[in-house]
Amino acid sequence: MEKGFLKLSELFNQHYLLTNQYNNAQKLEARIQLHQLFSTNRYGWFRWVFDHFALPPQSSLLELGCGPGYLWSRNADRIPEQWQITLSDFSPGMLQEVQQNLRDMHRPFTFQQIDAQSIPFENGSFDAVIANHMLYHVPDRAKALAEIHRVLKPGGVFYAATNGRHNMRELKEITARLVPSAATMWGDVSQDQTQPYHFYLETGDAELASWFSPVTIHHYEDALVVTEAQPLIAYILSAPIAALFNDELIQQAVDIVQREIDEKGAIHISKAMGLFEAYSAFKLTYGCVKTG
């Protein structure tokens, strides 16, 4: 086992996530920047997600794992005035960032530190709950889904975004050329099908079906065409896999990426991303307003 290697279970340990990955938004923003710079779908992920919100004009919403709040800052022109929005994260550092990022929006956001496994609201409090690329970080996802179902109103909707198994496969292949165990650090379950830590597009509907019906999946069509080495290296070093890289391996990664860009003009990386739309008890049919 390489020096600095973390077991897969440690990557989903909340202490590690709080103190390393999400104590602030720096590492997350390095990953988001790669997508902003080189995505082929120029419409944008956060605008696309917001397109799927079909809710009454006087709705109460809870976002779990809101991070820096890009879902709201990128859609500031589209948020209905009467929506009551609670933004939460289990990281105090992230909550500080989101409050700073949204300070000029003049919206009545409420901010609260929340663990998705124990949501401090009464039954039936929200018309919608949002979890954007965060459920795969929750140690006891069944408990979190039970909590989400509990705080939703009958007919309320849960929007859960996640990735497919082969998301950014080409990037994983580049790192695996340097460090064979990299696949495990990216969370590749092909090495251990018993690991419970994954919430994929291919499997998430079955999990959600235990609590919600109907469950619909929306696929986001996108890819990366990377023409600069530095943002791709920054992405790698922002992820848990960075624990496997010393200075020599980092330089080797830079050389590999730059050589491929020089030879081919770009590195093409496929994406598999999407959004589950899952309803509690029955789908809302009254007075909904489509925000997209």
Protein backbone atom coordinates (compact mmCIF):
# COMPACT_ATOMS: atom_id res chain seq x y z
CA MET A 1 0.00 0.00 0.00
CA GLU A 2 1.42 3.38 -1.01
CA LYS A 3 2.46 5.92 1.57
CA GLY A 4 -0.43 8.23 2.44
CA PHE A 5 -3.07 5.81 1.14
CA LEU A 6 -6.52 6.19 2.63
CA LYS A 7 -8.94 3.31 2.88
CA LEU A 8 -12.14 3.86 0.93
CA SER A 9 -14.13 3.93 4.16
CA GLU A 10 -11.97 6.80 5.43
CA LEU A 11 -12.96 8.95 2.46
CA PHE A 12 -16.53 8.94 3.77
CA ASN A 13 -15.57 9.51 7.39
CA GLN A 14 -17.19 12.76 8.42
CA HIS A 15 -14.16 13.92 10.37
CA TYR A 16 -12.00 13.57 7.23
CA LEU A 17 -14.58 15.39 5.10
CA LEU A 18 -14.92 18.22 7.61
CA THR A 19 -11.21 18.73 8.22
CA ASN A 20 -9.84 17.99 4.74
CA GLN A 21 -12.20 18.02 1.79
CA TYR A 22 -14.91 20.44 2.88
CA ASN A 23 -13.54 22.54 5.73
CA ASN A 24 -13.84 25.36 3.17
CA ALA A 25 -14.68 25.66 -0.52
CA GLN A 26 -11.11 25.77 -1.89
CA LYS A 27 -10.87 22.16 -3.08
CA LEU A 28 -14.43 22.05 -4.33
CA GLU A 29 -13.90 25.24 -6.32
CA ALA A 30 -10.80 23.73 -7.99
CA ARG A 31 -12.99 20.89 -9.24
CA ILE A 32 -15.81 23.18 -10.31
CA GLN A 33 -13.35 25.40 -12.20
CA LEU A 34 -12.31 22.54 -14.48
CA HIS A 35 -15.93 22.07 -15.51
CA GLN A 36 -16.48 25.80 -15.99
CA LEU A 37 -13.46 26.16 -18.24
CA PHE A 38 -13.74 23.10 -20.44
CA SER A 39 -17.30 21.73 -20.46
CA THR A 40 -18.84 21.30 -23.89
CA ASN A 41 -22.32 22.03 -22.56
CA ARG A 42 -22.10 25.79 -22.17
CA TYR A 43 -25.60 26.13 -20.69
CA GLY A 44 -24.23 25.13 -17.32
CA TRP A 45 -24.99 22.51 -14.70
CA PHE A 46 -26.57 24.79 -12.11
CA ARG A 47 -28.93 26.42 -14.60
CA TRP A 48 -29.90 22.97 -15.90
CA VAL A 49 -30.66 21.65 -12.41
CA PHE A 50 -32.80 24.68 -11.64
CA ASP A 51 -34.76 24.08 -14.86
CA HIS A 52 -36.23 20.95 -13.27
CA PHE A 53 -37.73 22.69 -10.26
CA ALA A 54 -41.50 22.67 -10.72
CA LEU A 55 -42.90 23.98 -7.45
CA PRO A 56 -45.74 26.12 -6.13
CA PRO A 57 -44.98 29.86 -6.00
CA GLN A 58 -45.07 29.79 -2.18
CA SER A 59 -42.75 26.87 -1.53
CA SER A 60 -40.42 25.96 1.29
CA LEU A 61 -37.12 24.41 0.19
CA LEU A 62 -34.22 22.79 2.02
CA GLU A 63 -30.86 22.22 0.38
CA LEU A 64 -28.58 19.71 2.06
CA GLY A 65 -24.88 20.13 1.37
CA CYS A 66 -25.28 23.53 -0.26
CA GLY A 67 -21.52 24.17 -0.47
CA PRO A 68 -20.68 27.68 -1.73
CA GLY A 69 -24.28 28.20 -2.91
CA TYR A 70 -23.68 28.20 -6.67
CA LEU A 71 -27.11 26.72 -7.36
CA TRP A 72 -28.59 29.97 -6.08
CA SER A 73 -26.02 32.55 -7.18
CA ARG A 74 -26.12 31.21 -10.76
CA ASN A 75 -29.92 31.43 -10.76
CA ALA A 76 -30.40 34.68 -8.87
CA ASP A 77 -32.63 36.04 -11.64
CA ARG A 78 -35.00 33.06 -11.47
CA ILE A 79 -35.81 32.50 -7.80
CA PRO A 80 -39.51 33.19 -7.03
CA GLU A 81 -39.82 35.94 -4.46
CA GLN A 82 -42.06 33.92 -2.14
CA TRP A 83 -39.87 30.86 -1.89
CA GLN A 84 -38.60 30.20 1.64
CA ILE A 85 -35.14 28.64 1.25
CA THR A 86 -33.04 27.01 3.95
CA LEU A 87 -29.44 26.37 2.92
CA SER A 88 -27.53 23.85 5.00
CA ASP A 89 -24.19 22.11 5.11
CA PHE A 90 -22.53 19.91 7.69
CA SER A 91 -19.37 22.03 7.37
CA PRO A 92 -19.27 25.33 9.30
CA GLY A 93 -16.62 26.56 6.86
CA MET A 94 -18.93 25.99 3.91
CA LEU A 95 -21.74 27.83 5.66
CA GLN A 96 -19.48 30.83 6.13
CA GLU A 97 -18.61 30.73 2.42
CA VAL A 98 -22.21 30.50 1.22
CA GLN A 99 -23.32 33.37 3.44
CA GLN A 100 -20.49 35.48 2.04
CA ASN A 101 -21.26 34.49 -1.55
CA LEU A 102 -24.99 35.26 -1.28
CA ARG A 103 -24.76 38.37 0.88
CA ASP A 104 -25.71 40.73 -1.99
CA MET A 105 -28.68 38.74 -3.28
CA HIS A 106 -31.16 40.31 -0.85
CA ARG A 107 -33.11 37.10 -0.50
CA PRO A 108 -34.46 35.75 2.81
CA PHE A 109 -32.18 32.71 2.89
CA THR A 110 -31.89 30.84 6.17
CA PHE A 111 -28.57 29.14 6.93
CA GLN A 112 -28.10 26.19 9.25
CA GLN A 113 -25.52 23.50 9.96
CA ILE A 114 -27.23 20.16 9.37
CA ASP A 115 -26.25 16.51 9.19
CA ALA A 116 -28.50 14.85 6.60
CA GLN A 117 -28.78 11.82 8.88
CA SER A 118 -30.55 13.90 11.53
CA ILE A 119 -32.51 16.81 10.07
CA PRO A 120 -33.75 19.17 12.82
CA PHE A 121 -37.17 19.98 11.36
CA GLU A 122 -40.67 18.71 12.00
CA ASN A 123 -42.43 16.21 9.79
CA GLY A 124 -43.78 17.68 6.56
CA SER A 125 -41.83 20.94 6.73
CA PHE A 126 -40.76 21.30 3.09
CA ASP A 127 -42.19 21.21 -0.40
CA ALA A 128 -38.78 20.24 -1.78
CA VAL A 129 -35.43 18.94 -0.57
CA ILE A 130 -32.30 19.25 -2.72
CA ALA A 131 -29.10 17.21 -2.48
CA ASN A 132 -26.65 18.20 -5.21
CA HIS A 133 -23.75 15.74 -5.46
CA MET A 134 -23.61 14.99 -1.75
CA LEU A 135 -25.46 11.76 -0.95
CA TYR A 136 -22.39 9.66 -1.72
CA HIS A 137 -20.68 11.37 1.22
CA VAL A 138 -23.33 10.32 3.76
CA PRO A 139 -22.21 7.36 5.90
CA ASP A 140 -25.74 6.04 6.56
CA ARG A 141 -27.62 6.94 3.41
CA ALA A 142 -30.71 4.91 4.34
CA LYS A 143 -31.06 7.00 7.49
CA ALA A 144 -30.65 10.20 5.49
CA LEU A 145 -33.29 9.17 2.95
CA ALA A 146 -35.68 8.34 5.77
CA GLU A 147 -35.08 11.79 7.24
CA ILE A 148 -35.58 13.51 3.88
CA HIS A 149 -38.83 11.62 3.35
CA ARG A 150 -39.96 12.58 6.86
CA VAL A 151 -39.43 16.34 6.46
CA LEU A 152 -41.10 16.46 3.04
CA LYS A 153 -44.76 17.29 2.80
CA PRO A 154 -46.99 14.59 1.25
CA GLY A 155 -46.42 14.99 -2.47
CA GLY A 156 -43.20 16.92 -1.91
CA VAL A 157 -40.23 16.33 -4.18
CA PHE A 158 -36.64 15.31 -3.58
CA TYR A 159 -34.06 16.41 -6.17
CA ALA A 160 -30.88 14.34 -5.88
CA ALA A 161 -27.97 14.93 -8.27
CA THR A 162 -25.14 12.45 -8.70
CA ASN A 163 -22.68 10.89 -11.15
CA GLY A 164 -22.61 7.68 -13.13
CA ARG A 165 -20.10 4.89 -12.53
CA HIS A 166 -17.93 5.93 -15.46
CA ASN A 167 -17.98 9.67 -14.92
CA MET A 168 -14.63 11.17 -16.00
CA ARG A 169 -13.30 7.70 -16.81
CA GLU A 170 -10.38 9.05 -18.86
CA LEU A 171 -9.09 11.11 -15.93
CA LYS A 172 -9.14 8.03 -13.71
CA GLU A 173 -7.18 6.15 -16.35
CA ILE A 174 -4.49 8.86 -16.44
CA THR A 175 -3.97 8.72 -12.68
CA ALA A 176 -4.06 4.92 -12.62
CA ARG A 177 -1.10 4.89 -15.03
CA LEU A 178 0.93 6.52 -12.25
CA VAL A 179 -0.67 4.90 -9.19
CA PRO A 180 -2.47 1.57 -9.74
CA SER A 181 -4.55 2.00 -6.57
CA ALA A 182 -5.94 5.30 -7.86
CA ALA A 183 -9.17 3.61 -8.97
CA THR A 184 -10.04 2.89 -5.34
CA MET A 185 -9.28 6.47 -4.32
CA TRP A 186 -11.71 7.70 -6.98
CA GLY A 187 -14.32 5.39 -5.44
CA ASP A 188 -14.33 2.74 -8.19
CA VAL A 189 -16.44 -0.09 -6.77
CA SER A 190 -15.28 -2.54 -9.41
CA GLN A 191 -12.65 -3.66 -6.89
CA ASP A 192 -15.18 -4.30 -4.14
CA GLN A 193 -18.83 -4.65 -5.05
CA THR A 194 -19.83 -4.86 -1.36
CA GLN A 195 -18.88 -1.26 -0.53
CA PRO A 196 -21.97 0.73 0.51
CA TYR A 197 -20.55 4.18 -0.15
CA HIS A 198 -21.80 4.84 -3.66
CA PHE A 199 -24.88 6.57 -4.98
CA TYR A 200 -24.72 6.27 -8.76
CA LEU A 201 -27.08 7.13 -11.59
CA GLU A 202 -27.21 3.42 -12.35
CA THR A 203 -28.25 2.39 -8.84
CA GLY A 204 -29.76 5.43 -7.14
CA ASP A 205 -33.30 4.89 -8.40
CA ALA A 206 -33.51 1.53 -6.63
CA GLU A 207 -32.45 3.15 -3.34
CA LEU A 208 -34.86 6.04 -3.73
CA ALA A 209 -37.74 3.71 -4.61
CA SER A 210 -37.76 2.47 -1.01
CA TRP A 211 -39.02 5.91 0.04
CA PHE A 212 -40.30 7.74 -3.03
CA SER A 213 -42.60 7.18 -5.98
CA PRO A 214 -42.44 7.95 -8.80
CA VAL A 215 -38.69 8.33 -9.34
CA THR A 216 -37.51 9.90 -12.60
CA ILE A 217 -33.94 10.32 -13.81
CA HIS A 218 -32.77 13.23 -15.97
CA HIS A 219 -29.42 12.90 -17.77
CA TYR A 220 -27.16 15.91 -18.32
CA GLU A 221 -25.33 15.70 -21.63
CA ASP A 222 -21.79 17.02 -21.28
CA ALA A 223 -18.07 16.30 -21.66
CA LEU A 224 -14.74 18.01 -21.08
CA VAL A 225 -12.28 19.12 -23.76
CA VAL A 226 -9.26 20.12 -21.69
CA THR A 227 -6.67 22.29 -23.45
CA GLU A 228 -4.60 23.38 -20.43
CA ALA A 229 -2.67 21.12 -18.07
CA GLN A 230 -2.78 23.22 -14.89
CA PRO A 231 -6.55 23.13 -14.20
CA LEU A 232 -6.60 19.36 -14.70
CA ILE A 233 -3.68 18.87 -12.31
CA ALA A 234 -5.37 21.19 -9.81
CA TYR A 235 -8.49 19.01 -10.05
CA ILE A 236 -6.47 15.86 -9.28
CA LEU A 237 -4.71 17.50 -6.34
CA SER A 238 -8.01 18.75 -4.89
CA ALA A 239 -9.37 15.21 -4.63
CA PRO A 240 -8.57 12.54 -1.99
CA ILE A 241 -6.26 10.90 -4.54
CA ALA A 242 -3.78 13.71 -3.83
CA ALA A 243 -2.68 11.72 -0.79
CA LEU A 244 -0.94 9.30 -3.17
CA PHE A 245 1.10 11.94 -5.02
CA ASN A 246 4.54 13.14 -3.98
CA ASP A 247 6.41 15.83 -5.90
CA GLU A 248 7.85 13.31 -8.36
CA LEU A 249 4.45 11.83 -9.20
CA ILE A 250 2.92 15.28 -9.55
CA GLN A 251 5.58 16.20 -12.10
CA GLN A 252 4.99 12.94 -13.94
CA ALA A 253 1.28 13.71 -14.05
CA VAL A 254 2.00 17.18 -15.43
CA ASP A 255 4.26 15.67 -18.11
CA ILE A 256 1.66 13.09 -19.14
CA VAL A 257 -1.15 15.63 -19.36
CA GLN A 258 0.92 18.23 -21.20
CA ARG A 259 2.30 15.67 -23.65
CA GLU A 260 -1.20 14.44 -24.53
CA ILE A 261 -2.44 18.01 -25.01
CA ASP A 262 0.57 18.79 -27.23
CA GLU A 263 0.05 15.67 -29.31
CA LYS A 264 -3.74 15.67 -29.61
CA GLY A 265 -4.64 19.31 -29.02
CA ALA A 266 -6.82 18.43 -26.01
CA ILE A 267 -7.69 15.73 -23.54
CA HIS A 268 -11.26 14.51 -24.02
CA ILE A 269 -13.00 13.40 -20.84
CA SER A 270 -16.49 11.94 -20.81
CA LYS A 271 -19.06 12.78 -18.18
CA ALA A 272 -22.01 10.94 -16.69
CA MET A 273 -24.11 13.26 -14.54
CA GLY A 274 -27.78 13.53 -13.79
CA LEU A 275 -30.63 14.39 -11.47
CA PHE A 276 -33.20 12.18 -9.76
CA GLU A 277 -36.67 13.65 -9.27
CA ALA A 278 -38.40 11.64 -6.57
CA TYR A 279 -41.83 12.27 -5.04
CA SER A 280 -43.11 11.60 -1.57
CA ALA A 281 -46.43 9.72 -1.64
CA PHE A 282 -47.83 11.32 -4.78
CA LYS A 283 -46.80 13.89 -7.36
CA LEU A 284 -47.96 17.47 -6.84
CA THR A 285 -50.61 18.53 -9.33
CA TYR A 286 -51.82 21.83 -7.92
CA GLY A 287 -50.75 25.29 -9.02
CA CYS A 288 -47.11 24.45 -9.78
CA VAL A 289 -44.91 26.97 -11.50
CA LYS A 290 -42.10 25.80 -13.78
CA THR A 291 -39.05 27.90 -13.03
CA GLY A 292 -37.01 27.05 -16.12
